[in-house]
Amino acid sequence: MKTVKNTKRAHVLFVLLCAAILLVLLRAPHETTAKVPNDAQHNRLLSLKNEQEAEKFCGECHGPAGKVPLPDGHPPKFRCLLCHKTQ
């Protein structure tokens, strides 16, 4: 009899845990990070399969002396494709 109560209690706790996880996931914010544009300037980067190889080209345009430097307060600049997805 005691194992039946323990089993029911475990099932209820499991369902409550699943509901809590689902609630947290449903309340998570939407993705706000910009994707890598699919244009002529980024074709070289988009054609590479290895993200670390592709990231070597980001600094050419987005470095301090580049055409489109990153804004002040931008996170570390060495792993661009962790946040900016390639579509």
PDB file of N, CA and C in Angstrom:
ATOM      1  N   MET A   1       0.817  -1.192   0.000  1.00  0.00           N
ATOM      2  CA  MET A   1       0.000   0.000   0.000  1.00  0.00           C
ATOM      3  C   MET A   1       0.865   1.262   0.000  1.00  0.00           C
ATOM      4  N   LYS A   2       1.959   1.203   0.772  1.00  0.00           N
ATOM      5  CA  LYS A   2       2.831   2.363   0.878  1.00  0.00           C
ATOM      6  C   LYS A   2       3.528   2.648  -0.451  1.00  0.00           C
ATOM      7  N   THR A   3       3.907   1.617  -1.203  1.00  0.00           N
ATOM      8  CA  THR A   3       4.572   1.819  -2.492  1.00  0.00           C
ATOM      9  C   THR A   3       3.620   2.432  -3.515  1.00  0.00           C
ATOM     10  N   VAL A   4       2.336   2.141  -3.407  1.00  0.00           N
ATOM     11  CA  VAL A   4       1.349   2.743  -4.320  1.00  0.00           C
ATOM     12  C   VAL A   4       1.283   4.242  -4.065  1.00  0.00           C
ATOM     13  N   LYS A   5       1.283   4.644  -2.805  1.00  0.00           N
ATOM     14  CA  LYS A   5       1.264   6.073  -2.461  1.00  0.00           C
ATOM     15  C   LYS A   5       2.544   6.756  -2.940  1.00  0.00           C
ATOM     16  N   ASN A   6       3.667   6.094  -2.740  1.00  0.00           N
ATOM     17  CA  ASN A   6       4.941   6.664  -3.174  1.00  0.00           C
ATOM     18  C   ASN A   6       4.991   6.792  -4.697  1.00  0.00           C
ATOM     19  N   THR A   7       4.455   5.814  -5.397  1.00  0.00           N
ATOM     20  CA  THR A   7       4.429   5.849  -6.855  1.00  0.00           C
ATOM     21  C   THR A   7       3.537   6.983  -7.334  1.00  0.00           C
ATOM     22  N   LYS A   8       2.372   7.136  -6.748  1.00  0.00           N
ATOM     23  CA  LYS A   8       1.464   8.232  -7.116  1.00  0.00           C
ATOM     24  C   LYS A   8       2.121   9.583  -6.840  1.00  0.00           C
ATOM     25  N   ARG A   9       2.762   9.694  -5.696  1.00  0.00           N
ATOM     26  CA  ARG A   9       3.436  10.939  -5.331  1.00  0.00           C
ATOM     27  C   ARG A   9       4.549  11.251  -6.334  1.00  0.00           C
ATOM     28  N   ALA A  10       5.298  10.236  -6.743  1.00  0.00           N
ATOM     29  CA  ALA A  10       6.364  10.426  -7.723  1.00  0.00           C
ATOM     30  C   ALA A  10       5.790  10.871  -9.066  1.00  0.00           C
ATOM     31  N   HIS A  11       4.668  10.286  -9.469  1.00  0.00           N
ATOM     32  CA  HIS A  11       4.028  10.675 -10.727  1.00  0.00           C
ATOM     33  C   HIS A  11       3.544  12.119 -10.677  1.00  0.00           C
ATOM     34  N   VAL A  12       2.932  12.510  -9.574  1.00  0.00           N
ATOM     35  CA  VAL A  12       2.452  13.891  -9.422  1.00  0.00           C
ATOM     36  C   VAL A  12       3.630  14.861  -9.456  1.00  0.00           C
ATOM     37  N   LEU A  13       4.708  14.545  -8.757  1.00  0.00           N
ATOM     38  CA  LEU A  13       5.889  15.410  -8.767  1.00  0.00           C
ATOM     39  C   LEU A  13       6.494  15.507 -10.164  1.00  0.00           C
ATOM     40  N   PHE A  14       6.508  14.398 -10.887  1.00  0.00           N
ATOM     41  CA  PHE A  14       7.033  14.397 -12.253  1.00  0.00           C
ATOM     42  C   PHE A  14       6.183  15.289 -13.160  1.00  0.00           C
ATOM     43  N   VAL A  15       4.873  15.175 -13.063  1.00  0.00           N
ATOM     44  CA  VAL A  15       3.973  16.002 -13.878  1.00  0.00           C
ATOM     45  C   VAL A  15       4.145  17.479 -13.518  1.00  0.00           C
ATOM     46  N   LEU A  16       4.265  17.790 -12.246  1.00  0.00           N
ATOM     47  CA  LEU A  16       4.475  19.183 -11.835  1.00  0.00           C
ATOM     48  C   LEU A  16       5.814  19.720 -12.346  1.00  0.00           C
ATOM     49  N   LEU A  17       6.844  18.902 -12.300  1.00  0.00           N
ATOM     50  CA  LEU A  17       8.147  19.311 -12.816  1.00  0.00           C
ATOM     51  C   LEU A  17       8.074  19.568 -14.325  1.00  0.00           C
ATOM     52  N   CYS A  18       7.417  18.680 -15.045  1.00  0.00           N
ATOM     53  CA  CYS A  18       7.266  18.861 -16.495  1.00  0.00           C
ATOM     54  C   CYS A  18       6.475  20.137 -16.804  1.00  0.00           C
ATOM     55  N   ALA A  19       5.425  20.381 -16.047  1.00  0.00           N
ATOM     56  CA  ALA A  19       4.623  21.586 -16.247  1.00  0.00           C
ATOM     57  C   ALA A  19       5.449  22.842 -15.965  1.00  0.00           C
ATOM     58  N   ALA A  20       6.270  22.803 -14.924  1.00  0.00           N
ATOM     59  CA  ALA A  20       7.117  23.954 -14.603  1.00  0.00           C
ATOM     60  C   ALA A  20       8.128  24.211 -15.709  1.00  0.00           C
ATOM     61  N   ILE A  21       8.743  23.161 -16.240  1.00  0.00           N
ATOM     62  CA  ILE A  21       9.706  23.316 -17.332  1.00  0.00           C
ATOM     63  C   ILE A  21       9.012  23.878 -18.563  1.00  0.00           C
ATOM     64  N   LEU A  22       7.844  23.365 -18.886  1.00  0.00           N
ATOM     65  CA  LEU A  22       7.083  23.855 -20.030  1.00  0.00           C
ATOM     66  C   LEU A  22       6.724  25.325 -19.853  1.00  0.00           C
ATOM     67  N   LEU A  23       6.323  25.711 -18.676  1.00  0.00           N
ATOM     68  CA  LEU A  23       5.976  27.103 -18.399  1.00  0.00           C
ATOM     69  C   LEU A  23       7.186  28.014 -18.595  1.00  0.00           C
ATOM     70  N   VAL A  24       8.341  27.602 -18.109  1.00  0.00           N
ATOM     71  CA  VAL A  24       9.564  28.391 -18.277  1.00  0.00           C
ATOM     72  C   VAL A  24       9.901  28.531 -19.757  1.00  0.00           C
ATOM     73  N   LEU A  25       9.802  27.439 -20.511  1.00  0.00           N
ATOM     74  CA  LEU A  25      10.116  27.489 -21.938  1.00  0.00           C
ATOM     75  C   LEU A  25       9.130  28.358 -22.714  1.00  0.00           C
ATOM     76  N   LEU A  26       7.854  28.305 -22.352  1.00  0.00           N
ATOM     77  CA  LEU A  26       6.855  29.120 -23.042  1.00  0.00           C
ATOM     78  C   LEU A  26       7.027  30.610 -22.752  1.00  0.00           C
ATOM     79  N   ARG A  27       7.574  30.940 -21.600  1.00  0.00           N
ATOM     80  CA  ARG A  27       7.775  32.347 -21.231  1.00  0.00           C
ATOM     81  C   ARG A  27       9.130  32.888 -21.670  1.00  0.00           C
ATOM     82  N   ALA A  28       9.952  32.063 -22.286  1.00  0.00           N
ATOM     83  CA  ALA A  28      11.274  32.499 -22.744  1.00  0.00           C
ATOM     84  C   ALA A  28      11.118  33.565 -23.830  1.00  0.00           C
ATOM     85  N   PRO A  29      11.997  34.537 -23.860  1.00  0.00           N
ATOM     86  CA  PRO A  29      11.890  35.594 -24.868  1.00  0.00           C
ATOM     87  C   PRO A  29      12.189  35.055 -26.265  1.00  0.00           C
ATOM     88  N   HIS A  30      11.634  35.743 -27.257  1.00  0.00           N
ATOM     89  CA  HIS A  30      11.906  35.382 -28.644  1.00  0.00           C
ATOM     90  C   HIS A  30      13.337  35.746 -28.999  1.00  0.00           C
ATOM     91  N   GLU A  31      13.870  35.094 -30.020  1.00  0.00           N
ATOM     92  CA  GLU A  31      15.232  35.373 -30.472  1.00  0.00           C
ATOM     93  C   GLU A  31      15.286  36.788 -31.055  1.00  0.00           C
ATOM     94  N   THR A  32      16.224  37.584 -30.593  1.00  0.00           N
ATOM     95  CA  THR A  32      16.331  38.974 -31.062  1.00  0.00           C
ATOM     96  C   THR A  32      17.628  39.239 -31.817  1.00  0.00           C
ATOM     97  N   THR A  33      18.539  38.302 -31.816  1.00  0.00           N
ATOM     98  CA  THR A  33      19.816  38.495 -32.487  1.00  0.00           C
ATOM     99  C   THR A  33      19.618  38.426 -33.994  1.00  0.00           C
ATOM    100  N   ALA A  34      20.210  39.371 -34.707  1.00  0.00           N
ATOM    101  CA  ALA A  34      20.080  39.402 -36.167  1.00  0.00           C
ATOM    102  C   ALA A  34      20.766  38.201 -36.793  1.00  0.00           C
ATOM    103  N   LYS A  35      20.167  37.707 -37.882  1.00  0.00           N
ATOM    104  CA  LYS A  35      20.780  36.606 -38.629  1.00  0.00           C
ATOM    105  C   LYS A  35      21.800  37.175 -39.601  1.00  0.00           C
ATOM    106  N   VAL A  36      22.722  36.340 -40.040  1.00  0.00           N
ATOM    107  CA  VAL A  36      23.709  36.754 -41.035  1.00  0.00           C
ATOM    108  C   VAL A  36      22.950  36.977 -42.346  1.00  0.00           C
ATOM    109  N   PRO A  37      23.082  38.160 -42.954  1.00  0.00           N
ATOM    110  CA  PRO A  37      22.353  38.423 -44.200  1.00  0.00           C
ATOM    111  C   PRO A  37      22.789  37.483 -45.318  1.00  0.00           C
ATOM    112  N   ASN A  38      21.834  37.120 -46.157  1.00  0.00           N
ATOM    113  CA  ASN A  38      22.118  36.278 -47.312  1.00  0.00           C
ATOM    114  C   ASN A  38      22.311  37.206 -48.514  1.00  0.00           C
ATOM    115  N   ASP A  39      23.477  37.858 -48.573  1.00  0.00           N
ATOM    116  CA  ASP A  39      23.761  38.807 -49.642  1.00  0.00           C
ATOM    117  C   ASP A  39      25.170  38.581 -50.187  1.00  0.00           C
ATOM    118  N   ALA A  40      25.550  39.405 -51.156  1.00  0.00           N
ATOM    119  CA  ALA A  40      26.842  39.233 -51.832  1.00  0.00           C
ATOM    120  C   ALA A  40      28.020  39.341 -50.866  1.00  0.00           C
ATOM    121  N   GLN A  41      27.934  40.250 -49.881  1.00  0.00           N
ATOM    122  CA  GLN A  41      29.053  40.428 -48.948  1.00  0.00           C
ATOM    123  C   GLN A  41      29.261  39.216 -48.050  1.00  0.00           C
ATOM    124  N   HIS A  42      28.218  38.464 -47.776  1.00  0.00           N
ATOM    125  CA  HIS A  42      28.312  37.343 -46.843  1.00  0.00           C
ATOM    126  C   HIS A  42      28.327  35.981 -47.527  1.00  0.00           C
ATOM    127  N   ASN A  43      28.287  35.931 -48.858  1.00  0.00           N
ATOM    128  CA  ASN A  43      28.270  34.643 -49.572  1.00  0.00           C
ATOM    129  C   ASN A  43      29.479  33.781 -49.235  1.00  0.00           C
ATOM    130  N   ARG A  44      30.650  34.386 -49.138  1.00  0.00           N
ATOM    131  CA  ARG A  44      31.870  33.621 -48.817  1.00  0.00           C
ATOM    132  C   ARG A  44      31.713  32.946 -47.455  1.00  0.00           C
ATOM    133  N   LEU A  45      31.206  33.682 -46.499  1.00  0.00           N
ATOM    134  CA  LEU A  45      31.007  33.156 -45.147  1.00  0.00           C
ATOM    135  C   LEU A  45      29.938  32.062 -45.157  1.00  0.00           C
ATOM    136  N   LEU A  46      28.837  32.293 -45.858  1.00  0.00           N
ATOM    137  CA  LEU A  46      27.721  31.344 -45.867  1.00  0.00           C
ATOM    138  C   LEU A  46      28.061  30.051 -46.594  1.00  0.00           C
ATOM    139  N   SER A  47      29.031  30.098 -47.511  1.00  0.00           N
ATOM    140  CA  SER A  47      29.370  28.901 -48.269  1.00  0.00           C
ATOM    141  C   SER A  47      30.264  27.939 -47.482  1.00  0.00           C
ATOM    142  N   LEU A  48      30.883  28.414 -46.413  1.00  0.00           N
ATOM    143  CA  LEU A  48      31.753  27.562 -45.603  1.00  0.00           C
ATOM    144  C   LEU A  48      30.928  26.743 -44.609  1.00  0.00           C
ATOM    145  N   LYS A  49      31.273  25.497 -44.440  1.00  0.00           N
ATOM    146  CA  LYS A  49      30.553  24.614 -43.514  1.00  0.00           C
ATOM    147  C   LYS A  49      31.077  24.734 -42.081  1.00  0.00           C
ATOM    148  N   ASN A  50      32.361  25.038 -41.927  1.00  0.00           N
ATOM    149  CA  ASN A  50      32.990  25.147 -40.615  1.00  0.00           C
ATOM    150  C   ASN A  50      32.803  26.571 -40.092  1.00  0.00           C
ATOM    151  N   GLU A  51      32.056  26.713 -38.993  1.00  0.00           N
ATOM    152  CA  GLU A  51      31.764  28.042 -38.456  1.00  0.00           C
ATOM    153  C   GLU A  51      33.024  28.784 -38.018  1.00  0.00           C
ATOM    154  N   GLN A  52      33.977  28.081 -37.439  1.00  0.00           N
ATOM    155  CA  GLN A  52      35.194  28.748 -36.973  1.00  0.00           C
ATOM    156  C   GLN A  52      36.000  29.292 -38.146  1.00  0.00           C
ATOM    157  N   GLU A  53      35.988  28.583 -39.269  1.00  0.00           N
ATOM    158  CA  GLU A  53      36.668  29.089 -40.464  1.00  0.00           C
ATOM    159  C   GLU A  53      35.934  30.315 -41.001  1.00  0.00           C
ATOM    160  N   ALA A  54      34.615  30.265 -40.984  1.00  0.00           N
ATOM    161  CA  ALA A  54      33.813  31.371 -41.498  1.00  0.00           C
ATOM    162  C   ALA A  54      33.994  32.628 -40.652  1.00  0.00           C
ATOM    163  N   GLU A  55      34.121  32.456 -39.349  1.00  0.00           N
ATOM    164  CA  GLU A  55      34.239  33.609 -38.443  1.00  0.00           C
ATOM    165  C   GLU A  55      35.528  34.397 -38.654  1.00  0.00           C
ATOM    166  N   LYS A  56      36.509  33.809 -39.284  1.00  0.00           N
ATOM    167  CA  LYS A  56      37.765  34.521 -39.533  1.00  0.00           C
ATOM    168  C   LYS A  56      37.561  35.716 -40.464  1.00  0.00           C
ATOM    169  N   PHE A  57      36.499  35.683 -41.268  1.00  0.00           N
ATOM    170  CA  PHE A  57      36.251  36.759 -42.223  1.00  0.00           C
ATOM    171  C   PHE A  57      35.429  37.902 -41.629  1.00  0.00           C
ATOM    172  N   CYS A  58      34.809  37.710 -40.496  1.00  0.00           N
ATOM    173  CA  CYS A  58      33.926  38.728 -39.915  1.00  0.00           C
ATOM    174  C   CYS A  58      34.665  40.032 -39.607  1.00  0.00           C
ATOM    175  N   GLY A  59      35.885  39.913 -39.100  1.00  0.00           N
ATOM    176  CA  GLY A  59      36.647  41.092 -38.702  1.00  0.00           C
ATOM    177  C   GLY A  59      37.013  42.013 -39.851  1.00  0.00           C
ATOM    178  N   GLU A  60      37.026  41.498 -41.085  1.00  0.00           N
ATOM    179  CA  GLU A  60      37.365  42.344 -42.227  1.00  0.00           C
ATOM    180  C   GLU A  60      36.398  43.517 -42.362  1.00  0.00           C
ATOM    181  N   CYS A  61      35.118  43.264 -42.191  1.00  0.00           N
ATOM    182  CA  CYS A  61      34.113  44.333 -42.308  1.00  0.00           C
ATOM    183  C   CYS A  61      33.655  44.860 -40.947  1.00  0.00           C
ATOM    184  N   HIS A  62      33.657  43.980 -39.934  1.00  0.00           N
ATOM    185  CA  HIS A  62      33.084  44.356 -38.642  1.00  0.00           C
ATOM    186  C   HIS A  62      34.132  44.669 -37.586  1.00  0.00           C
ATOM    187  N   GLY A  63      35.394  44.742 -37.983  1.00  0.00           N
ATOM    188  CA  GLY A  63      36.455  45.138 -37.062  1.00  0.00           C
ATOM    189  C   GLY A  63      36.422  46.648 -36.857  1.00  0.00           C
ATOM    190  N   PRO A  64      37.238  47.178 -35.962  1.00  0.00           N
ATOM    191  CA  PRO A  64      37.244  48.620 -35.668  1.00  0.00           C
ATOM    192  C   PRO A  64      37.494  49.488 -36.907  1.00  0.00           C
ATOM    193  N   ALA A  65      38.295  48.999 -37.851  1.00  0.00           N
ATOM    194  CA  ALA A  65      38.586  49.788 -39.043  1.00  0.00           C
ATOM    195  C   ALA A  65      37.767  49.325 -40.251  1.00  0.00           C
ATOM    196  N   GLY A  66      36.794  48.455 -40.039  1.00  0.00           N
ATOM    197  CA  GLY A  66      36.003  47.907 -41.143  1.00  0.00           C
ATOM    198  C   GLY A  66      34.917  48.852 -41.619  1.00  0.00           C
ATOM    199  N   LYS A  67      34.222  48.424 -42.678  1.00  0.00           N
ATOM    200  CA  LYS A  67      33.144  49.219 -43.269  1.00  0.00           C
ATOM    201  C   LYS A  67      31.961  49.365 -42.313  1.00  0.00           C
ATOM    202  N   VAL A  68      31.676  48.305 -41.558  1.00  0.00           N
ATOM    203  CA  VAL A  68      30.541  48.306 -40.633  1.00  0.00           C
ATOM    204  C   VAL A  68      31.028  47.833 -39.267  1.00  0.00           C
ATOM    205  N   PRO A  69      31.735  48.717 -38.523  1.00  0.00           N
ATOM    206  CA  PRO A  69      32.265  48.279 -37.220  1.00  0.00           C
ATOM    207  C   PRO A  69      31.132  47.956 -36.239  1.00  0.00           C
ATOM    208  N   LEU A  70      31.419  47.070 -35.318  1.00  0.00           N
ATOM    209  CA  LEU A  70      30.432  46.679 -34.314  1.00  0.00           C
ATOM    210  C   LEU A  70      30.168  47.834 -33.353  1.00  0.00           C
ATOM    211  N   PRO A  71      28.943  47.954 -32.861  1.00  0.00           N
ATOM    212  CA  PRO A  71      28.624  49.039 -31.931  1.00  0.00           C
ATOM    213  C   PRO A  71      29.334  48.865 -30.587  1.00  0.00           C
ATOM    214  N   ASP A  72      29.460  49.959 -29.859  1.00  0.00           N
ATOM    215  CA  ASP A  72      30.038  49.899 -28.512  1.00  0.00           C
ATOM    216  C   ASP A  72      29.186  48.984 -27.645  1.00  0.00           C
ATOM    217  N   GLY A  73      29.814  48.227 -26.791  1.00  0.00           N
ATOM    218  CA  GLY A  73      29.097  47.334 -25.893  1.00  0.00           C
ATOM    219  C   GLY A  73      28.731  45.995 -26.515  1.00  0.00           C
ATOM    220  N   HIS A  74      29.160  45.755 -27.756  1.00  0.00           N
ATOM    221  CA  HIS A  74      28.886  44.462 -28.393  1.00  0.00           C
ATOM    222  C   HIS A  74      29.663  43.382 -27.650  1.00  0.00           C
ATOM    223  N   PRO A  75      29.066  42.201 -27.464  1.00  0.00           N
ATOM    224  CA  PRO A  75      29.771  41.115 -26.760  1.00  0.00           C
ATOM    225  C   PRO A  75      31.072  40.721 -27.467  1.00  0.00           C
ATOM    226  N   PRO A  76      31.859  39.839 -26.876  1.00  0.00           N
ATOM    227  CA  PRO A  76      33.136  39.434 -27.472  1.00  0.00           C
ATOM    228  C   PRO A  76      32.989  39.094 -28.956  1.00  0.00           C
ATOM    229  N   LYS A  77      33.997  39.498 -29.712  1.00  0.00           N
ATOM    230  CA  LYS A  77      33.879  39.455 -31.159  1.00  0.00           C
ATOM    231  C   LYS A  77      34.516  38.238 -31.813  1.00  0.00           C
ATOM    232  N   PHE A  78      34.915  37.253 -31.052  1.00  0.00           N
ATOM    233  CA  PHE A  78      35.655  36.136 -31.646  1.00  0.00           C
ATOM    234  C   PHE A  78      34.777  34.925 -31.972  1.00  0.00           C
ATOM    235  N   ARG A  79      33.531  34.883 -31.575  1.00  0.00           N
ATOM    236  CA  ARG A  79      32.633  33.753 -31.893  1.00  0.00           C
ATOM    237  C   ARG A  79      31.293  34.287 -32.393  1.00  0.00           C
ATOM    238  N   CYS A  80      31.329  34.934 -33.532  1.00  0.00           N
ATOM    239  CA  CYS A  80      30.144  35.599 -34.102  1.00  0.00           C
ATOM    240  C   CYS A  80      28.972  34.642 -34.307  1.00  0.00           C
ATOM    241  N   LEU A  81      29.258  33.448 -34.815  1.00  0.00           N
ATOM    242  CA  LEU A  81      28.187  32.538 -35.218  1.00  0.00           C
ATOM    243  C   LEU A  81      27.600  31.734 -34.066  1.00  0.00           C
ATOM    244  N   LEU A  82      27.999  32.051 -32.836  1.00  0.00           N
ATOM    245  CA  LEU A  82      27.288  31.481 -31.694  1.00  0.00           C
ATOM    246  C   LEU A  82      25.933  32.176 -31.553  1.00  0.00           C
ATOM    247  N   CYS A  83      25.893  33.470 -31.834  1.00  0.00           N
ATOM    248  CA  CYS A  83      24.651  34.235 -31.718  1.00  0.00           C
ATOM    249  C   CYS A  83      24.003  34.490 -33.078  1.00  0.00           C
ATOM    250  N   HIS A  84      24.806  34.907 -34.047  1.00  0.00           N
ATOM    251  CA  HIS A  84      24.279  35.238 -35.375  1.00  0.00           C
ATOM    252  C   HIS A  84      24.222  33.969 -36.219  1.00  0.00           C
ATOM    253  N   LYS A  85      23.029  33.505 -36.477  1.00  0.00           N
ATOM    254  CA  LYS A  85      22.835  32.245 -37.201  1.00  0.00           C
ATOM    255  C   LYS A  85      22.832  32.498 -38.717  1.00  0.00           C
ATOM    256  N   THR A  86      23.215  31.487 -39.450  1.00  0.00           N
ATOM    257  CA  THR A  86      23.271  31.581 -40.904  1.00  0.00           C
ATOM    258  C   THR A  86      21.971  31.028 -41.492  1.00  0.00           C
ATOM    259  N   GLN A  87      20.893  31.692 -41.231  1.00  0.00           N
ATOM    260  CA  GLN A  87      19.539  31.389 -41.724  1.00  0.00           C
ATOM    261  C   GLN A  87      19.003  30.133 -41.183  1.00  0.00           C
TER     262      GLN A  87
END
